[in-house]
Structures are given as structure tokens and as C-alpha cells.
């Protein structure tokens, strides 16, 4: 790699560092104010709701004290401003911190104040905060992002394929809070190039002797161990904060925990699929949400069924044979979105257009599909055709969140990944559906399914469910 390490790399003191500190403080303060506002709103709503039933609400003086405890605990968790937190990690920290403070307040109050505390008032307020604080935080952060006032600039060490992927992801997800400013690489052929608009300024030594940022991300996972060690230690000495992408591609990364054995760093990798407790939580969420959801939208289901029958002849629903957990076949319910002679229509179009045939063979989907009815096009765009699969969830054949259901012919395309795929129930929605849907290649879909299964946690499920609402509302990638 040709890395030349300076004898004493240092970050020069300048007004830039002071500006970044102030910027971080202002961003963190905005999120603190967001949490305070959400707590105030929840207190008012809770007080109003309890008043309707003649129940005493929580005392605002006591709640103010515990609100300070909650804010301090979230500050300790790194949520202000919370750079580098994945959505599922942020959700987990928010949920855990809120429930912990609620339980501690209840325990402390009952021990000291005995029956003078309004248990209902405390519980209602904190549960409202649990539901409302995170969306309000998202909204505040979105405003900061749109105004260009969120995140820290970061230098990318290495300008290869990994760096290209990392920069693209960070730019597509500005809420992550790491904004690539410049890249460095010891390959002279890369100097002067750009990676998604980020310039490759020069060799790695330039980043160490004249750092432009307070943070650096090392994206050279393929380097030899001794080179990687030297690089990490050198960059670590030059930058206050260093991120490292290790050579662990394909290894589950949502279940990693760092430990030390003596002076050696070790990684604990937990197989969440083996956790009976986590699986029980997933199944409980599936049953609760699918039963309640089916009852709530039953009139909509009837309306859709009638509309389908009026639009084209044929049944309102159909059964599609799909592979489920442990490779068992099951009937996947869907609203009919195609004509009864769909196969004949498709064959005619594919025989006449080799380009469309190649597209269909690669992805099993085509835009402007001749098989799809007028109502069916709307159902697919809004994903309403998937609603009958709530019955599959109740029957235990599917999950609300999981890898996409596949047919037997697709097993060969999954290859070795199918051994992982068959461990879980397929889902109505999943990582693929909220990450581009039909705009992704088949290989990307397989990789997304593999990532979801090997990195599955209940928190990831909840995040995907929330993102599904956004994707359905805007019709992103659906056809």
C-alpha cells in the first residue's frame, strides 16, 4: 500500500475545531429541545386523557425531575447528537432508556411516597413519550439535515470499491451524521478522481499531516494484517475519532459485541435466530398486529375485493405456492392483480421483445406488465395486494417482516444462501421492500434477504415496519 507514517502526526489546532464543537453542541441542543417538547406534549395529552376518566395525572414537578434523569441517561447513551447510530440501534436505545426511567421512577416513588403517587399518570405519560419522542426527534433531525446543519465531516482513508460503497450509503442516509468530505489513497492513479462527488485528494500521508476533519474512516478491509495494524494505529494517533471497516464481509454485524481477553480484542457474535425469547417476541408481535390489523381494515378488504370483481372477471383473491420455513410449501394469499389469461399475455409480449424477456428472466418482473389489470396496477403500487397475507401470518406460515416469499424455481438462484433462508418464515414486508423494491437487481435482493436473516433482531423488524409505511405512501420502487 506504500503507507509512510509520519513520526508524530497531530491534528492542528484551528478555529475549524472550535466551529465543529459548537456545531455539535447546537445539533445536540436541538435534539434535547425536541425531547423536552415531546415530553411536555405527552404530559398535557396524558393529563387530558386521564381527566376524562376522573384519574389523577402525574405531578409536573416530579415529572420534571425524572425528565432531567431521562435526558442525562440519553446523553450518556450518545443520543445527543447521535452520530453513527443505525435506526435499529437508535430505536433500541430510545425504548430501553424510556422504559428504564419509567420503572425507576415508579419504584422510587412507591418506596418513598407510597400511595400518594398517581401510577396511572406516570405510566401514561412515559408510554406516550415512548411513542411520540422518537418521531419528533426524526422530524427535528430531518429539518437539520435539510438545512445542512446535521452531521460531522469525515475523511475516507482508502478510495477503492469499499470506500465507494460507504460514501454512497452515507450520502443516501444523511441522518447517520457522517458526511464524507475527502478521500485519500496511496494509488496515484486515483488522485484527482471523485467518488460520488467526494474528491480523492492525495496519498494517505497527506490526510495524516494535514487533516481536514476531526474524524476518519478507514475503508481498506483487504489490507494485510500488519499493514492494517500500522494504518489503524497511525490514523488513530492523527484523528480524535477513527472508524474502521474490518475484513468481516458476510459476517453478521448487528449481533457483534466487542470484548477483551487480556490485551486482545475479541468479537462475540450472537445467533439471534437461536434465541427462543427473541423468536417468541417476534411471533407475539406478528399475532397481535396481524389480528388487530385484520379487524381494523376489514371494511377496506371488502371494498378492494368488490373493486377487483368489477374491474375484470375472475376471483378477488388467489393462492400462490411459495416456500416457507424449513422448505415447506404453503398457499400465499394475495388480491388478484392480473388478468385470468395472464400467462398468455406475458408470452406474447416476451416473444415479441427480447429485451423484455431478458429483463424478466433476470428479475422475474417487468415494468408495464401486460398481465396486470388497471386496479391491479394501483394495488401493486400501494402494496394493497399483500393485505390478505395477514391471514398467512395468523396461520403461522408467514411473518410481518422477513425475507420475500419465493417459488421453488428460485432456490437455485439463492445458492448457499437458501440454507439460511429456510430457517425463517417469509415476510409480508422486509429489508428488500424498504430498500428499493423492484428497482434492485435479483442478486441485491438475495444479499438483502441474507443480511436480514443473519442480522435479525426484533428492533430491526420494528424499523422495517416503520419504513414500510413511508415506502408504501410514496410508492417507491413498486411495479
Protein backbone atom coordinates (compact mmCIF):
# COMPACT_ATOMS: atom_id res chain seq x y z
CA UNK A 1 0.00 0.00 0.00
CA UNK A 2 3.01 2.27 0.37
CA UNK A 3 1.94 3.93 3.60
CA UNK A 4 4.55 6.28 5.06
CA UNK A 5 3.78 7.05 8.67
CA UNK A 6 4.79 10.47 10.00
CA UNK A 7 6.82 10.35 13.17
CA UNK A 8 4.38 12.48 15.16
CA UNK A 9 1.06 13.04 13.41
CA UNK A 10 -1.05 15.69 15.03
CA UNK A 11 -4.30 17.48 14.36
CA UNK A 12 -3.53 21.18 14.07
CA UNK A 13 -5.49 23.41 16.41
CA UNK A 14 -7.62 25.87 14.48
CA UNK A 15 -10.91 27.68 14.50
CA UNK A 16 -12.30 24.77 12.48
CA UNK A 17 -12.17 22.53 15.54
CA UNK A 18 -13.96 25.12 17.65
CA UNK A 19 -16.59 25.52 14.93
CA UNK A 20 -17.19 21.76 14.83
CA UNK A 21 -17.60 21.64 18.62
CA UNK A 22 -20.13 24.46 18.50
CA UNK A 23 -21.89 22.78 15.60
CA UNK A 24 -22.13 19.51 17.50
CA UNK A 25 -23.43 21.30 20.59
CA UNK A 26 -26.08 23.15 18.61
CA UNK A 27 -27.22 19.95 16.92
CA UNK A 28 -27.34 18.10 20.23
CA UNK A 29 -29.21 21.00 21.83
CA UNK A 30 -31.82 20.95 19.06
CA UNK A 31 -32.47 17.27 19.75
CA UNK A 32 -32.60 17.91 23.52
CA UNK A 33 -35.21 20.61 22.95
CA UNK A 34 -37.11 18.19 20.73
CA UNK A 35 -37.23 15.64 23.57
CA UNK A 36 -38.29 18.29 26.08
CA UNK A 37 -41.06 19.45 23.73
CA UNK A 38 -42.28 15.89 23.21
CA UNK A 39 -42.29 15.31 26.98
CA UNK A 40 -44.32 18.48 27.51
CA UNK A 41 -46.84 17.49 24.85
CA UNK A 42 -47.14 13.99 26.30
CA UNK A 43 -47.70 15.40 29.79
CA UNK A 44 -50.50 17.62 28.51
CA UNK A 45 -52.13 14.84 26.45
CA UNK A 46 -51.81 12.37 29.32
CA UNK A 47 -53.30 14.81 31.81
CA UNK A 48 -56.23 15.47 29.45
CA UNK A 49 -56.92 11.77 28.76
CA UNK A 50 -56.78 10.79 32.43
CA UNK A 51 -59.00 13.73 33.32
CA UNK A 52 -61.72 12.33 31.06
CA UNK A 53 -61.89 9.28 33.32
CA UNK A 54 -61.50 11.20 36.57
CA UNK A 55 -58.00 9.80 37.22
CA UNK A 56 -55.29 11.98 38.73
CA UNK A 57 -52.43 12.77 36.38
CA UNK A 58 -48.69 12.78 37.09
CA UNK A 59 -47.37 15.73 39.11
CA UNK A 60 -45.41 18.05 36.84
CA UNK A 61 -42.76 18.87 39.50
CA UNK A 62 -41.88 15.21 39.98
CA UNK A 63 -42.02 14.51 36.25
CA UNK A 64 -39.65 17.43 35.57
CA UNK A 65 -37.04 15.87 37.85
CA UNK A 66 -37.29 12.49 36.15
CA UNK A 67 -37.26 14.15 32.75
CA UNK A 68 -33.81 15.50 33.63
CA UNK A 69 -32.75 11.96 34.57
CA UNK A 70 -34.08 10.71 31.23
CA UNK A 71 -32.18 13.38 29.29
CA UNK A 72 -28.98 12.66 31.22
CA UNK A 73 -29.31 8.93 30.54
CA UNK A 74 -29.84 9.55 26.83
CA UNK A 75 -26.81 11.84 26.80
CA UNK A 76 -24.77 9.00 28.32
CA UNK A 77 -26.08 6.66 25.61
CA UNK A 78 -24.71 9.05 22.97
CA UNK A 79 -28.07 10.15 21.55
CA UNK A 80 -27.08 13.85 21.54
CA UNK A 81 -26.44 14.33 18.68
CA UNK A 82 -26.21 10.59 18.00
CA UNK A 83 -23.86 10.38 15.01
CA UNK A 84 -23.30 6.92 13.59
CA UNK A 85 -26.37 5.27 15.09
CA UNK A 86 -28.28 2.82 12.91
CA UNK A 87 -32.10 3.15 13.04
CA UNK A 88 -32.48 -0.10 14.97
CA UNK A 89 -29.80 0.89 17.48
CA UNK A 90 -31.42 4.29 17.98
CA UNK A 91 -34.82 2.65 18.46
CA UNK A 92 -33.39 0.19 20.99
CA UNK A 93 -31.64 2.91 23.00
CA UNK A 94 -34.74 5.12 22.97
CA UNK A 95 -37.02 2.29 24.10
CA UNK A 96 -34.66 0.98 26.77
CA UNK A 97 -33.87 4.42 28.25
CA UNK A 98 -37.55 5.43 28.40
CA UNK A 99 -38.78 2.21 29.99
CA UNK A 100 -35.86 2.13 32.44
CA UNK A 101 -36.53 5.65 33.70
CA UNK A 102 -40.26 4.94 33.98
CA UNK A 103 -39.64 1.82 36.07
CA UNK A 104 -37.07 3.52 38.29
CA UNK A 105 -39.44 6.45 38.89
CA UNK A 106 -42.26 4.09 39.81
CA UNK A 107 -40.05 2.04 42.12
CA UNK A 108 -38.59 5.10 43.82
CA UNK A 109 -41.92 6.88 44.16
CA UNK A 110 -43.74 3.85 45.56
CA UNK A 111 -40.96 3.27 48.07
CA UNK A 112 -40.88 6.88 49.31
CA UNK A 113 -44.33 8.29 48.64
CA UNK A 114 -46.33 5.08 48.99
CA UNK A 115 -49.91 5.70 47.82
CA UNK A 116 -49.57 9.39 47.03
CA UNK A 117 -48.21 8.74 43.53
CA UNK A 118 -50.50 8.51 40.52
CA UNK A 119 -49.23 5.29 38.99
CA UNK A 120 -51.60 5.67 36.04
CA UNK A 121 -50.39 9.21 35.43
CA UNK A 122 -46.72 8.20 35.39
CA UNK A 123 -47.27 5.17 33.17
CA UNK A 124 -49.46 7.02 30.66
CA UNK A 125 -47.03 9.93 30.29
CA UNK A 126 -43.97 7.72 29.79
CA UNK A 127 -45.75 5.44 27.35
CA UNK A 128 -46.79 8.49 25.35
CA UNK A 129 -43.18 9.67 25.40
CA UNK A 130 -42.11 6.23 24.21
CA UNK A 131 -44.42 6.56 21.20
CA UNK A 132 -44.06 10.27 20.40
CA UNK A 133 -40.49 11.31 21.26
CA UNK A 134 -38.75 9.31 18.53
CA UNK A 135 -40.92 10.56 15.60
CA UNK A 136 -40.45 14.13 16.83
CA UNK A 137 -36.71 13.50 17.06
CA UNK A 138 -36.73 12.20 13.48
CA UNK A 139 -38.59 15.30 12.34
CA UNK A 140 -36.15 17.64 14.09
CA UNK A 141 -33.17 15.83 12.63
CA UNK A 142 -34.74 15.90 9.17
CA UNK A 143 -35.05 19.68 9.44
CA UNK A 144 -31.40 19.89 10.47
CA UNK A 145 -30.38 17.66 7.55
CA UNK A 146 -32.40 19.66 5.03
CA UNK A 147 -30.86 22.90 6.28
CA UNK A 148 -27.36 21.40 6.05
CA UNK A 149 -26.84 21.60 9.80
CA UNK A 150 -26.51 17.97 10.83
CA UNK A 151 -23.51 15.69 10.94
CA UNK A 152 -19.74 15.88 11.07
CA UNK A 153 -17.38 15.90 8.07
CA UNK A 154 -15.26 12.77 7.80
CA UNK A 155 -12.15 11.80 5.83
CA UNK A 156 -12.20 8.48 3.98
CA UNK A 157 -8.90 6.58 4.14
CA UNK A 158 -8.79 4.38 1.07
CA UNK A 159 -10.55 5.04 -2.24
CA UNK A 160 -11.35 1.57 -3.51
CA UNK A 161 -14.62 -0.28 -4.00
CA UNK A 162 -15.41 -0.39 -0.29
CA UNK A 163 -14.95 3.37 0.01
CA UNK A 164 -17.27 3.90 -2.96
CA UNK A 165 -19.99 1.82 -1.29
CA UNK A 166 -19.53 3.56 2.07
CA UNK A 167 -19.67 7.06 0.57
CA UNK A 168 -22.80 6.20 -1.42
CA UNK A 169 -24.51 4.86 1.69
CA UNK A 170 -23.58 7.82 3.88
CA UNK A 171 -24.79 10.27 1.25
CA UNK A 172 -28.05 8.36 0.85
CA UNK A 173 -28.57 8.34 4.64
CA UNK A 174 -27.53 11.79 5.92
CA UNK A 175 -29.27 11.11 9.24
CA UNK A 176 -26.34 8.81 10.04
CA UNK A 177 -24.40 12.02 10.65
CA UNK A 178 -21.12 11.23 8.87
CA UNK A 179 -20.57 13.48 5.84
CA UNK A 180 -17.68 12.40 3.55
CA UNK A 181 -15.50 15.41 2.76
CA UNK A 182 -12.37 13.96 1.17
CA UNK A 183 -10.78 10.61 0.33
CA UNK A 184 -7.13 9.55 0.33
CA UNK A 185 -5.33 6.60 -1.25
CA UNK A 186 -1.73 5.64 -1.98
CA UNK A 187 -2.60 4.68 -5.56
CA UNK A 188 -1.51 7.71 -7.69
CA UNK A 189 -3.94 6.70 -10.44
CA UNK A 190 -6.86 7.57 -8.14
CA UNK A 191 -5.65 11.08 -7.24
CA UNK A 192 -7.87 13.75 -8.71
CA UNK A 193 -10.79 11.36 -9.19
CA UNK A 194 -14.10 11.65 -7.40
CA UNK A 195 -16.16 9.04 -5.56
CA UNK A 196 -19.79 10.18 -5.79
CA UNK A 197 -18.58 13.77 -5.76
CA UNK A 198 -16.01 13.27 -2.98
CA UNK A 199 -12.50 14.16 -4.26
CA UNK A 200 -9.53 11.85 -3.81
CA UNK A 201 -7.02 14.49 -2.71
CA UNK A 202 -3.80 12.52 -2.44
CA UNK A 203 -1.87 9.84 -0.55
CA UNK A 204 -2.85 8.69 2.95
CA UNK A 205 0.11 10.54 4.45
CA UNK A 206 -1.48 13.82 3.36
CA UNK A 207 -4.55 13.03 5.49
CA UNK A 208 -2.28 12.47 8.50
CA UNK A 209 -0.08 15.53 8.16
CA UNK A 210 -2.84 17.93 7.09
CA UNK A 211 -6.17 16.54 8.33
CA UNK A 212 -9.24 18.38 7.11
CA UNK A 213 -11.65 16.74 9.55
CA UNK A 214 -11.87 15.57 13.16
CA UNK A 215 -12.99 12.08 12.14
CA UNK A 216 -11.61 9.48 9.75
CA UNK A 217 -12.96 6.23 8.35
CA UNK A 218 -10.50 3.54 7.24
CA UNK A 219 -12.00 1.61 4.33
CA UNK A 220 -9.22 -0.79 3.29
CA UNK A 221 -10.51 -4.12 4.65
CA UNK A 222 -8.42 -6.16 2.22
CA UNK A 223 -5.06 -4.88 3.51
CA UNK A 224 -2.67 -7.40 5.09
CA UNK A 225 -2.91 -7.71 8.87
CA UNK A 226 0.38 -5.98 9.61
CA UNK A 227 -0.42 -3.14 7.20
CA UNK A 228 -3.91 -2.78 8.67
CA UNK A 229 -2.48 -2.65 12.19
CA UNK A 230 0.05 0.03 11.27
CA UNK A 231 -2.58 2.04 9.40
CA UNK A 232 -5.14 1.96 12.21
CA UNK A 233 -2.61 2.97 14.86
CA UNK A 234 -1.30 5.81 12.70
CA UNK A 235 -4.70 7.21 11.80
CA UNK A 236 -5.85 6.77 15.40
CA UNK A 237 -2.97 9.00 16.52
CA UNK A 238 -3.82 11.70 13.99
CA UNK A 239 -7.60 11.94 14.40
CA UNK A 240 -9.70 12.33 17.57
CA UNK A 241 -12.24 9.79 16.24
CA UNK A 242 -11.42 6.87 13.93
CA UNK A 243 -13.84 4.44 12.31
CA UNK A 244 -12.54 1.14 10.90
CA UNK A 245 -14.19 -1.22 8.42
CA UNK A 246 -12.79 -4.68 9.29
CA UNK A 247 -12.45 -7.58 6.88
CA UNK A 248 -15.72 -9.17 8.06
CA UNK A 249 -17.86 -9.04 4.94
CA UNK A 250 -20.69 -11.55 5.12
CA UNK A 251 -20.34 -11.92 8.89
CA UNK A 252 -23.41 -10.96 10.98
CA UNK A 253 -22.70 -7.43 12.19
CA UNK A 254 -25.84 -6.43 14.10
CA UNK A 255 -25.09 -9.03 16.78
CA UNK A 256 -21.42 -8.17 17.37
CA UNK A 257 -20.16 -7.25 20.82
CA UNK A 258 -16.60 -6.16 21.49
CA UNK A 259 -14.73 -7.73 24.42
CA UNK A 260 -11.17 -8.00 25.64
CA UNK A 261 -9.36 -11.20 26.55
CA UNK A 262 -6.23 -9.89 28.17
CA UNK A 263 -4.79 -7.39 25.71
CA UNK A 264 -6.53 -8.98 22.72
CA UNK A 265 -9.74 -7.65 21.21
CA UNK A 266 -12.40 -10.29 20.57
CA UNK A 267 -15.82 -10.19 18.93
CA UNK A 268 -18.82 -12.04 20.32
CA UNK A 269 -21.30 -12.97 17.60
CA UNK A 270 -24.75 -13.93 18.79
CA UNK A 271 -27.11 -16.00 16.66
CA UNK A 272 -30.41 -14.27 17.35
CA UNK A 273 -32.29 -16.92 15.40
CA UNK A 274 -31.37 -19.38 18.17
CA UNK A 275 -32.85 -17.18 20.87
CA UNK A 276 -36.22 -18.62 21.88
CA UNK A 277 -37.05 -15.43 23.74
CA UNK A 278 -36.46 -13.24 20.67
CA UNK A 279 -38.43 -15.61 18.46
CA UNK A 280 -41.30 -15.60 20.96
CA UNK A 281 -41.28 -11.79 20.89
CA UNK A 282 -41.38 -11.83 17.09
CA UNK A 283 -44.28 -14.28 16.99
CA UNK A 284 -46.19 -12.30 19.63
CA UNK A 285 -45.79 -9.10 17.62
CA UNK A 286 -46.92 -10.94 14.48
CA UNK A 287 -50.08 -12.28 16.10
CA UNK A 288 -51.04 -9.08 17.89
CA UNK A 289 -50.53 -6.75 14.94
CA UNK A 290 -51.99 -9.07 12.29
CA UNK A 291 -55.16 -9.87 14.27
CA UNK A 292 -55.76 -6.24 15.25
CA UNK A 293 -54.83 -5.06 11.75
CA UNK A 294 -57.17 -7.52 10.02
CA UNK A 295 -60.11 -6.44 12.19
CA UNK A 296 -59.32 -2.74 11.70
CA UNK A 297 -59.06 -2.86 7.89
CA UNK A 298 -61.77 -5.46 7.21
CA UNK A 299 -64.08 -2.88 5.50
CA UNK A 300 -61.16 -1.87 3.24
CA UNK A 301 -60.54 -5.50 2.34
CA UNK A 302 -64.19 -5.91 1.31
CA UNK A 303 -64.05 -2.73 -0.78
CA UNK A 304 -60.91 -3.90 -2.58
CA UNK A 305 -62.46 -7.31 -3.29
CA UNK A 306 -65.58 -5.72 -4.82
CA UNK A 307 -63.48 -3.33 -6.93
CA UNK A 308 -61.40 -6.20 -8.32
CA UNK A 309 -64.53 -8.15 -9.31
CA UNK A 310 -65.98 -5.09 -11.08
CA UNK A 311 -62.74 -4.36 -12.96
CA UNK A 312 -62.14 -7.77 -14.56
CA UNK A 313 -63.61 -11.27 -14.47
CA UNK A 314 -62.14 -13.74 -12.02
CA UNK A 315 -61.80 -14.29 -8.28
CA UNK A 316 -60.87 -11.40 -5.97
CA UNK A 317 -58.11 -13.42 -4.31
CA UNK A 318 -55.75 -16.12 -5.45
CA UNK A 319 -53.30 -18.52 -3.88
CA UNK A 320 -49.65 -18.58 -4.91
CA UNK A 321 -47.50 -21.56 -3.92
CA UNK A 322 -44.44 -20.33 -2.05
CA UNK A 323 -41.65 -21.82 0.02
CA UNK A 324 -41.89 -21.26 3.74
CA UNK A 325 -39.87 -22.12 6.81
CA UNK A 326 -37.91 -25.39 6.55
CA UNK A 327 -38.71 -25.52 2.84
CA UNK A 328 -42.41 -26.33 3.31
CA UNK A 329 -44.76 -25.17 0.56
CA UNK A 330 -47.77 -23.07 1.51
CA UNK A 331 -50.51 -21.06 -0.20
CA UNK A 332 -49.64 -17.36 -0.09
CA UNK A 333 -52.82 -15.28 -0.25
CA UNK A 334 -52.96 -12.18 -2.45
CA UNK A 335 -55.54 -9.95 -4.03
CA UNK A 336 -55.67 -10.72 -7.74
CA UNK A 337 -53.85 -8.05 -9.71
CA UNK A 338 -53.62 -9.86 -13.08
CA UNK A 339 -55.98 -10.93 -15.84
CA UNK A 340 -57.11 -14.55 -15.89
CA UNK A 341 -55.16 -15.15 -19.12
CA UNK A 342 -52.00 -13.55 -17.67
CA UNK A 343 -49.61 -16.25 -18.88
CA UNK A 344 -50.83 -15.97 -22.47
CA UNK A 345 -50.47 -12.16 -22.42
CA UNK A 346 -46.95 -12.41 -20.97
CA UNK A 347 -45.80 -14.99 -23.50
CA UNK A 348 -46.96 -12.84 -26.37
CA UNK A 349 -45.06 -9.79 -25.11
CA UNK A 350 -41.86 -11.67 -24.29
CA UNK A 351 -41.82 -13.48 -27.64
CA UNK A 352 -42.06 -10.13 -29.40
CA UNK A 353 -39.46 -8.25 -27.30
CA UNK A 354 -36.10 -9.92 -26.46
CA UNK A 355 -35.14 -7.00 -24.20
CA UNK A 356 -38.20 -7.51 -22.01
CA UNK A 357 -37.55 -11.25 -21.99
CA UNK A 358 -34.02 -10.67 -20.68
CA UNK A 359 -35.39 -8.29 -18.03
CA UNK A 360 -37.98 -10.83 -16.91
CA UNK A 361 -35.51 -13.71 -16.79
CA UNK A 362 -33.15 -11.61 -14.66
CA UNK A 363 -35.63 -10.24 -12.12
CA UNK A 364 -38.93 -12.13 -12.67
CA UNK A 365 -40.50 -8.67 -13.00
CA UNK A 366 -41.07 -6.19 -15.83
CA UNK A 367 -42.34 -2.64 -15.88
CA UNK A 368 -45.67 -2.03 -17.67
CA UNK A 369 -46.52 -5.70 -17.15
CA UNK A 370 -49.27 -6.64 -19.68
CA UNK A 371 -50.68 -9.17 -17.22
CA UNK A 372 -51.63 -6.50 -14.66
CA UNK A 373 -55.16 -5.06 -14.58
CA UNK A 374 -55.98 -1.39 -14.02
CA UNK A 375 -56.99 -1.99 -10.41
CA UNK A 376 -54.09 -4.41 -10.04
CA UNK A 377 -51.62 -1.72 -11.02
CA UNK A 378 -52.92 0.51 -8.22
CA UNK A 379 -52.89 -2.37 -5.74
CA UNK A 380 -49.28 -3.18 -6.57
CA UNK A 381 -48.18 0.43 -6.44
CA UNK A 382 -49.65 0.81 -2.97
CA UNK A 383 -48.87 -2.79 -1.89
CA UNK A 384 -52.55 -3.30 -1.04
CA UNK A 385 -52.43 -6.63 -2.90
CA UNK A 386 -50.37 -8.01 0.01
CA UNK A 387 -53.05 -7.41 2.68
CA UNK A 388 -54.56 -10.93 2.54
CA UNK A 389 -51.19 -12.28 3.71
CA UNK A 390 -52.20 -11.18 7.20
CA UNK A 391 -54.11 -14.49 7.20
CA UNK A 392 -50.86 -16.31 6.45
CA UNK A 393 -49.27 -14.56 9.42
CA UNK A 394 -52.10 -15.58 11.74
CA UNK A 395 -51.81 -19.17 10.49
CA UNK A 396 -48.08 -19.18 11.25
CA UNK A 397 -46.96 -19.56 7.64
CA UNK A 398 -45.52 -16.06 7.30
CA UNK A 399 -44.27 -13.20 9.42
CA UNK A 400 -44.99 -9.49 9.18
CA UNK A 401 -41.29 -8.94 8.48
CA UNK A 402 -38.98 -11.44 6.78
CA UNK A 403 -37.32 -12.39 3.51
CA UNK A 404 -39.56 -12.17 0.48
CA UNK A 405 -41.54 -15.34 -0.39
CA UNK A 406 -40.01 -17.28 -3.27
CA UNK A 407 -41.05 -20.14 -5.56
CA UNK A 408 -39.18 -23.43 -5.92
CA UNK A 409 -37.62 -22.33 -9.21
CA UNK A 410 -35.80 -19.51 -7.41
CA UNK A 411 -33.92 -21.79 -4.98
CA UNK A 412 -31.11 -22.31 -7.46
CA UNK A 413 -30.59 -18.52 -7.68
CA UNK A 414 -30.22 -18.30 -3.91
CA UNK A 415 -27.50 -20.94 -3.90
CA UNK A 416 -25.91 -21.44 -0.49
CA UNK A 417 -27.99 -18.55 0.92
CA UNK A 418 -31.09 -20.77 0.72
CA UNK A 419 -29.77 -22.80 3.65
CA UNK A 420 -30.06 -19.62 5.71
CA UNK A 421 -33.31 -18.52 4.07
CA UNK A 422 -35.23 -21.64 5.06
CA UNK A 423 -34.56 -21.02 8.77
CA UNK A 424 -37.24 -18.29 9.00
CA UNK A 425 -40.77 -17.54 7.82
CA UNK A 426 -41.02 -15.27 4.76
CA UNK A 427 -42.48 -11.83 5.40
CA UNK A 428 -45.17 -9.55 4.06
CA UNK A 429 -42.54 -6.82 4.11
CA UNK A 430 -38.81 -6.95 4.59
CA UNK A 431 -35.42 -5.39 4.14
CA UNK A 432 -35.69 -5.65 0.36
CA UNK A 433 -39.09 -3.97 0.24
CA UNK A 434 -37.83 -0.86 2.07
CA UNK A 435 -34.53 -0.70 0.17
CA UNK A 436 -35.58 -0.15 -3.43
CA UNK A 437 -38.04 -2.99 -4.02
CA UNK A 438 -38.38 -3.71 -7.75
CA UNK A 439 -35.61 -1.23 -8.63
CA UNK A 440 -32.98 -3.60 -7.21
CA UNK A 441 -31.30 -6.47 -9.04
CA UNK A 442 -32.04 -10.08 -8.14
CA UNK A 443 -28.56 -10.53 -6.66
CA UNK A 444 -29.11 -7.47 -4.47
CA UNK A 445 -32.39 -8.92 -3.24
CA UNK A 446 -30.70 -12.18 -2.28
CA UNK A 447 -27.98 -10.25 -0.43
CA UNK A 448 -30.62 -8.18 1.39
CA UNK A 449 -32.50 -11.32 2.46
CA UNK A 450 -29.25 -12.84 3.68
CA UNK A 451 -28.38 -9.66 5.61
CA UNK A 452 -31.80 -9.55 7.25
CA UNK A 453 -31.73 -13.19 8.39
CA UNK A 454 -28.15 -13.16 9.69
CA UNK A 455 -28.60 -9.80 11.42
CA UNK A 456 -32.17 -10.22 12.62
CA UNK A 457 -33.35 -8.60 15.83
CA UNK A 458 -36.84 -7.51 16.94
CA UNK A 459 -35.56 -3.91 16.71
CA UNK A 460 -34.73 -4.38 13.04
CA UNK A 461 -38.26 -5.70 12.47
CA UNK A 462 -39.82 -2.62 14.05
CA UNK A 463 -37.62 -0.28 11.99
CA UNK A 464 -38.60 -2.10 8.77
CA UNK A 465 -42.29 -1.86 9.68
CA UNK A 466 -41.95 1.89 10.20
CA UNK A 467 -40.02 2.32 6.94
CA UNK A 468 -42.61 0.23 5.09
CA UNK A 469 -45.25 2.85 5.84
CA UNK A 470 -43.07 5.53 4.21
CA UNK A 471 -42.27 3.38 1.17
CA UNK A 472 -45.93 2.45 0.61
CA UNK A 473 -47.12 6.04 0.91
CA UNK A 474 -44.68 7.27 -1.75
CA UNK A 475 -44.93 4.14 -3.91
CA UNK A 476 -41.16 3.81 -4.07
CA UNK A 477 -39.82 1.12 -6.42
CA UNK A 478 -43.14 -0.71 -6.80
CA UNK A 479 -44.49 -2.06 -10.07
